[in-house]
N, C-alpha and C. Protein backbone atom coordinates (compact mmCIF):
# COMPACT_ATOMS: atom_id res chain seq x y z
N MET A 1 -28.16 -35.82 -0.89
CA MET A 1 -28.87 -34.96 -1.83
C MET A 1 -27.84 -34.27 -2.73
N GLN A 2 -28.08 -34.32 -3.98
CA GLN A 2 -27.16 -33.75 -4.95
C GLN A 2 -27.61 -32.35 -5.33
N GLN A 3 -26.68 -31.37 -5.24
CA GLN A 3 -27.01 -29.99 -5.59
C GLN A 3 -26.68 -29.74 -7.06
N ASN A 4 -27.41 -28.79 -7.60
CA ASN A 4 -27.14 -28.33 -8.95
C ASN A 4 -25.84 -27.53 -8.91
N HIS A 5 -24.93 -27.83 -9.80
CA HIS A 5 -23.62 -27.17 -9.86
C HIS A 5 -23.77 -25.66 -10.09
N TYR A 6 -24.69 -25.27 -10.95
CA TYR A 6 -24.88 -23.84 -11.26
C TYR A 6 -25.46 -23.09 -10.07
N TYR A 7 -26.36 -23.75 -9.34
CA TYR A 7 -26.93 -23.13 -8.14
C TYR A 7 -25.85 -22.92 -7.09
N ALA A 8 -25.01 -23.92 -6.88
CA ALA A 8 -23.92 -23.81 -5.90
C ALA A 8 -22.97 -22.69 -6.29
N GLN A 9 -22.68 -22.58 -7.58
CA GLN A 9 -21.80 -21.51 -8.07
C GLN A 9 -22.42 -20.14 -7.84
N LYS A 10 -23.73 -20.01 -8.08
CA LYS A 10 -24.44 -18.74 -7.88
C LYS A 10 -24.42 -18.34 -6.40
N VAL A 11 -24.61 -19.30 -5.50
CA VAL A 11 -24.57 -19.04 -4.06
C VAL A 11 -23.17 -18.55 -3.67
N LYS A 12 -22.14 -19.18 -4.18
CA LYS A 12 -20.76 -18.76 -3.86
C LYS A 12 -20.50 -17.33 -4.33
N ILE A 13 -20.95 -17.02 -5.54
CA ILE A 13 -20.75 -15.67 -6.08
C ILE A 13 -21.49 -14.65 -5.23
N THR A 14 -22.73 -14.95 -4.86
CA THR A 14 -23.51 -14.05 -4.03
C THR A 14 -22.83 -13.84 -2.68
N ASN A 15 -22.33 -14.90 -2.10
CA ASN A 15 -21.64 -14.79 -0.80
C ASN A 15 -20.38 -13.93 -0.91
N VAL A 16 -19.63 -14.09 -1.98
CA VAL A 16 -18.41 -13.29 -2.17
C VAL A 16 -18.78 -11.82 -2.38
N GLN A 17 -19.85 -11.55 -3.13
CA GLN A 17 -20.29 -10.17 -3.34
C GLN A 17 -20.72 -9.53 -2.02
N GLN A 18 -21.45 -10.29 -1.21
CA GLN A 18 -21.88 -9.77 0.09
C GLN A 18 -20.67 -9.51 0.99
N MET A 19 -19.69 -10.39 0.95
CA MET A 19 -18.47 -10.21 1.74
C MET A 19 -17.72 -8.96 1.29
N ALA A 20 -17.68 -8.71 -0.01
CA ALA A 20 -17.02 -7.51 -0.53
C ALA A 20 -17.74 -6.25 -0.06
N LYS A 21 -19.07 -6.27 -0.07
CA LYS A 21 -19.83 -5.12 0.42
C LYS A 21 -19.55 -4.89 1.91
N THR A 22 -19.50 -5.98 2.66
CA THR A 22 -19.23 -5.88 4.10
C THR A 22 -17.85 -5.31 4.35
N MET A 23 -16.87 -5.79 3.63
CA MET A 23 -15.48 -5.31 3.80
C MET A 23 -15.40 -3.83 3.41
N SER A 24 -16.10 -3.44 2.37
CA SER A 24 -16.11 -2.04 1.96
C SER A 24 -16.72 -1.17 3.05
N PHE A 25 -17.83 -1.61 3.63
CA PHE A 25 -18.47 -0.86 4.71
C PHE A 25 -17.54 -0.72 5.90
N VAL A 26 -16.91 -1.81 6.28
CA VAL A 26 -15.98 -1.80 7.42
C VAL A 26 -14.82 -0.86 7.15
N SER A 27 -14.31 -0.91 5.94
CA SER A 27 -13.17 -0.06 5.58
C SER A 27 -13.56 1.42 5.55
N VAL A 28 -14.68 1.74 4.91
CA VAL A 28 -15.12 3.12 4.78
C VAL A 28 -15.40 3.74 6.15
N ASN A 29 -15.96 2.96 7.06
CA ASN A 29 -16.32 3.47 8.38
C ASN A 29 -15.21 3.32 9.42
N GLY A 30 -14.06 2.86 9.00
CA GLY A 30 -12.91 2.79 9.89
C GLY A 30 -13.09 1.82 11.04
N ILE A 31 -13.84 0.76 10.82
CA ILE A 31 -14.07 -0.23 11.87
C ILE A 31 -12.93 -1.23 11.83
N GLU A 32 -12.23 -1.33 12.97
CA GLU A 32 -11.06 -2.20 13.00
C GLU A 32 -11.22 -3.41 13.89
N SER A 33 -12.32 -3.48 14.64
CA SER A 33 -12.50 -4.64 15.50
C SER A 33 -13.99 -4.95 15.66
N LEU A 34 -14.24 -6.13 16.17
CA LEU A 34 -15.62 -6.54 16.43
C LEU A 34 -16.24 -5.68 17.51
N ASP A 35 -15.46 -5.25 18.48
CA ASP A 35 -15.97 -4.37 19.54
C ASP A 35 -16.45 -3.04 18.96
N GLU A 36 -15.69 -2.47 18.05
CA GLU A 36 -16.10 -1.22 17.41
C GLU A 36 -17.40 -1.41 16.63
N LEU A 37 -17.51 -2.54 15.96
CA LEU A 37 -18.73 -2.84 15.21
C LEU A 37 -19.92 -2.98 16.15
N ASN A 38 -19.71 -3.63 17.29
CA ASN A 38 -20.79 -3.77 18.27
C ASN A 38 -21.22 -2.43 18.86
N VAL A 39 -20.24 -1.54 19.09
CA VAL A 39 -20.56 -0.19 19.59
C VAL A 39 -21.37 0.57 18.55
N LEU A 40 -20.96 0.46 17.29
CA LEU A 40 -21.70 1.12 16.20
C LEU A 40 -23.12 0.56 16.10
N LEU A 41 -23.25 -0.74 16.23
CA LEU A 41 -24.56 -1.37 16.18
C LEU A 41 -25.45 -0.88 17.33
N ALA A 42 -24.89 -0.82 18.53
CA ALA A 42 -25.67 -0.37 19.70
C ALA A 42 -26.11 1.08 19.54
N SER A 43 -25.21 1.94 19.07
CA SER A 43 -25.58 3.35 18.90
C SER A 43 -26.61 3.51 17.78
N THR A 44 -26.50 2.69 16.75
CA THR A 44 -27.48 2.73 15.66
C THR A 44 -28.85 2.29 16.16
N LYS A 45 -28.88 1.23 16.96
CA LYS A 45 -30.16 0.76 17.52
C LYS A 45 -30.78 1.84 18.42
N ALA A 46 -29.96 2.50 19.22
CA ALA A 46 -30.46 3.56 20.10
C ALA A 46 -31.01 4.72 19.26
N ASP A 47 -30.29 5.06 18.19
CA ASP A 47 -30.74 6.16 17.32
C ASP A 47 -32.06 5.80 16.65
N VAL A 48 -32.18 4.58 16.16
CA VAL A 48 -33.42 4.14 15.53
C VAL A 48 -34.57 4.18 16.55
N SER A 49 -34.30 3.74 17.76
CA SER A 49 -35.32 3.75 18.80
C SER A 49 -35.77 5.18 19.11
N ASP A 50 -34.81 6.10 19.23
CA ASP A 50 -35.15 7.50 19.50
C ASP A 50 -35.98 8.09 18.36
N ARG A 51 -35.58 7.80 17.15
CA ARG A 51 -36.33 8.33 15.99
C ARG A 51 -37.71 7.72 15.89
N HIS A 52 -37.83 6.46 16.27
CA HIS A 52 -39.15 5.81 16.26
C HIS A 52 -40.06 6.46 17.29
N LYS A 53 -39.53 6.77 18.46
CA LYS A 53 -40.32 7.45 19.50
C LYS A 53 -40.75 8.84 19.02
N ALA A 54 -39.82 9.54 18.38
CA ALA A 54 -40.14 10.88 17.86
C ALA A 54 -41.21 10.79 16.78
N LEU A 55 -41.12 9.78 15.93
CA LEU A 55 -42.12 9.59 14.88
C LEU A 55 -43.49 9.32 15.49
N LYS A 56 -43.55 8.46 16.49
CA LYS A 56 -44.83 8.15 17.15
C LYS A 56 -45.41 9.41 17.81
N SER A 57 -44.55 10.21 18.40
CA SER A 57 -45.00 11.46 19.03
C SER A 57 -45.56 12.41 17.97
N THR A 58 -44.87 12.53 16.86
CA THR A 58 -45.32 13.40 15.78
C THR A 58 -46.65 12.90 15.20
N GLU A 59 -46.77 11.58 15.04
CA GLU A 59 -48.03 11.03 14.55
C GLU A 59 -49.18 11.34 15.51
N ALA A 60 -48.93 11.26 16.81
CA ALA A 60 -49.97 11.57 17.80
C ALA A 60 -50.37 13.04 17.70
N GLU A 61 -49.39 13.92 17.52
CA GLU A 61 -49.68 15.35 17.37
C GLU A 61 -50.52 15.61 16.11
N ILE A 62 -50.18 14.92 15.05
CA ILE A 62 -50.92 15.09 13.79
C ILE A 62 -52.37 14.62 13.97
N ARG A 63 -52.56 13.48 14.65
CA ARG A 63 -53.93 13.00 14.89
C ARG A 63 -54.71 14.03 15.72
N ALA A 64 -54.07 14.57 16.75
CA ALA A 64 -54.74 15.57 17.60
C ALA A 64 -55.08 16.82 16.79
N ASN A 65 -54.15 17.28 15.97
CA ASN A 65 -54.40 18.47 15.14
C ASN A 65 -55.49 18.21 14.11
N ASN A 66 -55.52 17.00 13.54
CA ASN A 66 -56.58 16.67 12.58
C ASN A 66 -57.95 16.71 13.25
N LEU A 67 -58.03 16.23 14.49
CA LEU A 67 -59.30 16.30 15.21
C LEU A 67 -59.69 17.75 15.49
N LEU A 68 -58.72 18.58 15.85
CA LEU A 68 -59.01 20.00 16.06
C LEU A 68 -59.53 20.65 14.79
N ILE A 69 -58.90 20.33 13.68
CA ILE A 69 -59.33 20.88 12.39
C ILE A 69 -60.75 20.42 12.07
N LYS A 70 -60.99 19.12 12.27
CA LYS A 70 -62.32 18.56 11.98
C LYS A 70 -63.39 19.25 12.81
N TYR A 71 -63.17 19.33 14.13
CA TYR A 71 -64.20 19.89 14.99
C TYR A 71 -64.32 21.40 14.84
N THR A 72 -63.24 22.07 14.51
CA THR A 72 -63.33 23.52 14.26
C THR A 72 -64.19 23.77 13.02
N GLY A 73 -63.97 22.99 11.97
CA GLY A 73 -64.79 23.13 10.77
C GLY A 73 -66.24 22.82 11.03
N GLN A 74 -66.47 21.76 11.79
CA GLN A 74 -67.83 21.35 12.15
C GLN A 74 -68.52 22.44 12.98
N TYR A 75 -67.78 23.04 13.89
CA TYR A 75 -68.29 24.12 14.74
C TYR A 75 -68.68 25.33 13.89
N LEU A 76 -67.76 25.74 13.04
CA LEU A 76 -68.01 26.94 12.23
C LEU A 76 -69.12 26.71 11.19
N ALA A 77 -69.17 25.51 10.63
CA ALA A 77 -70.18 25.23 9.60
C ALA A 77 -71.60 25.26 10.17
N ASN A 78 -71.75 24.92 11.43
CA ASN A 78 -73.09 24.83 12.02
C ASN A 78 -73.40 25.93 13.03
N LYS A 79 -72.51 26.88 13.16
CA LYS A 79 -72.67 27.95 14.15
C LYS A 79 -73.91 28.81 13.87
N ASP A 80 -74.12 29.17 12.61
CA ASP A 80 -75.27 30.01 12.27
C ASP A 80 -76.60 29.28 12.54
N THR A 81 -76.63 28.00 12.23
CA THR A 81 -77.85 27.22 12.49
C THR A 81 -78.13 27.19 13.98
N TYR A 82 -77.07 26.99 14.77
CA TYR A 82 -77.26 26.95 16.23
C TYR A 82 -77.69 28.32 16.76
N ARG A 83 -77.13 29.37 16.21
CA ARG A 83 -77.50 30.72 16.63
C ARG A 83 -78.97 30.99 16.33
N ARG A 84 -79.42 30.58 15.14
CA ARG A 84 -80.84 30.74 14.79
C ARG A 84 -81.72 29.89 15.71
N TYR A 85 -81.25 28.72 16.08
CA TYR A 85 -81.98 27.85 17.01
C TYR A 85 -82.14 28.54 18.36
N MET A 86 -81.07 29.17 18.85
CA MET A 86 -81.14 29.84 20.15
C MET A 86 -82.08 31.04 20.11
N LYS A 87 -82.23 31.69 18.96
CA LYS A 87 -83.12 32.85 18.84
C LYS A 87 -84.54 32.45 18.44
N SER A 88 -84.74 31.20 18.09
CA SER A 88 -86.04 30.73 17.63
C SER A 88 -87.09 30.79 18.75
N LYS A 89 -88.31 31.13 18.36
CA LYS A 89 -89.40 31.17 19.33
C LYS A 89 -89.91 29.76 19.62
N ASN A 90 -89.87 28.91 18.63
CA ASN A 90 -90.31 27.53 18.80
C ASN A 90 -89.08 26.62 18.69
N LYS A 91 -88.34 26.52 19.77
CA LYS A 91 -87.08 25.79 19.78
C LYS A 91 -87.27 24.31 19.45
N ALA A 92 -88.30 23.69 19.96
CA ALA A 92 -88.52 22.26 19.74
C ALA A 92 -88.71 21.97 18.25
N ALA A 93 -89.52 22.76 17.58
CA ALA A 93 -89.75 22.55 16.15
C ALA A 93 -88.48 22.81 15.35
N TYR A 94 -87.76 23.89 15.68
CA TYR A 94 -86.52 24.21 14.97
C TYR A 94 -85.49 23.11 15.18
N ARG A 95 -85.40 22.61 16.42
CA ARG A 95 -84.43 21.55 16.73
C ARG A 95 -84.79 20.28 15.95
N ASP A 96 -86.05 19.95 15.88
CA ASP A 96 -86.47 18.77 15.11
C ASP A 96 -86.09 18.91 13.64
N GLU A 97 -86.27 20.11 13.12
CA GLU A 97 -85.99 20.38 11.72
C GLU A 97 -84.48 20.36 11.41
N HIS A 98 -83.67 20.78 12.38
CA HIS A 98 -82.21 20.92 12.17
C HIS A 98 -81.42 20.08 13.18
N ARG A 99 -81.93 18.93 13.54
CA ARG A 99 -81.32 18.10 14.57
C ARG A 99 -79.87 17.74 14.24
N ALA A 100 -79.59 17.33 13.03
CA ALA A 100 -78.24 16.90 12.65
C ALA A 100 -77.23 18.03 12.81
N GLU A 101 -77.56 19.21 12.29
CA GLU A 101 -76.64 20.34 12.37
C GLU A 101 -76.41 20.78 13.82
N ILE A 102 -77.46 20.81 14.60
CA ILE A 102 -77.35 21.23 16.00
C ILE A 102 -76.53 20.22 16.79
N THR A 103 -76.77 18.94 16.53
CA THR A 103 -75.99 17.90 17.21
C THR A 103 -74.51 17.99 16.86
N LEU A 104 -74.21 18.21 15.59
CA LEU A 104 -72.81 18.37 15.17
C LEU A 104 -72.17 19.58 15.84
N TYR A 105 -72.91 20.66 15.89
CA TYR A 105 -72.39 21.88 16.53
C TYR A 105 -72.09 21.62 18.00
N GLU A 106 -73.05 21.00 18.71
CA GLU A 106 -72.86 20.77 20.14
C GLU A 106 -71.72 19.79 20.41
N GLU A 107 -71.58 18.79 19.55
CA GLU A 107 -70.48 17.84 19.68
C GLU A 107 -69.13 18.56 19.48
N ALA A 108 -69.07 19.39 18.46
CA ALA A 108 -67.83 20.13 18.17
C ALA A 108 -67.51 21.11 19.31
N ARG A 109 -68.51 21.82 19.78
CA ARG A 109 -68.31 22.77 20.87
C ARG A 109 -67.77 22.07 22.11
N LYS A 110 -68.36 20.94 22.44
CA LYS A 110 -67.92 20.16 23.61
C LYS A 110 -66.46 19.71 23.44
N TYR A 111 -66.13 19.19 22.27
CA TYR A 111 -64.75 18.74 22.02
C TYR A 111 -63.76 19.89 22.13
N LEU A 112 -64.09 21.01 21.52
CA LEU A 112 -63.18 22.16 21.51
C LEU A 112 -63.00 22.73 22.92
N LYS A 113 -64.04 22.72 23.74
CA LYS A 113 -63.91 23.19 25.12
C LYS A 113 -62.99 22.29 25.90
N GLU A 114 -63.11 20.98 25.69
CA GLU A 114 -62.26 20.02 26.40
C GLU A 114 -60.82 20.07 25.92
N ALA A 115 -60.66 20.36 24.65
CA ALA A 115 -59.30 20.42 24.08
C ALA A 115 -58.67 21.75 24.45
């Protein structure tokens, strides 16, 4: 198979540029051996792993806090309706009329008690 001369030249230039970047990195970071590079790689992998775990933990906390915010708002928004329901003389009729709000309130109250 015959290669295009210009393509081969472009690949060589790209490889030399990448080698120059690598040599610059090695020089700037004072890496003098393959062992030092492997140690740096291992510590970098460990650091990335630790940061990934911390990120996942933070994301879980954010999800939990978002649920607390959601249910707290739902609780407060429907609290007066539920209070009127509890004071109502005809609870069945009031509940039928305000079923959605009462259900949301009870769901939020249950979640907040468990949390």
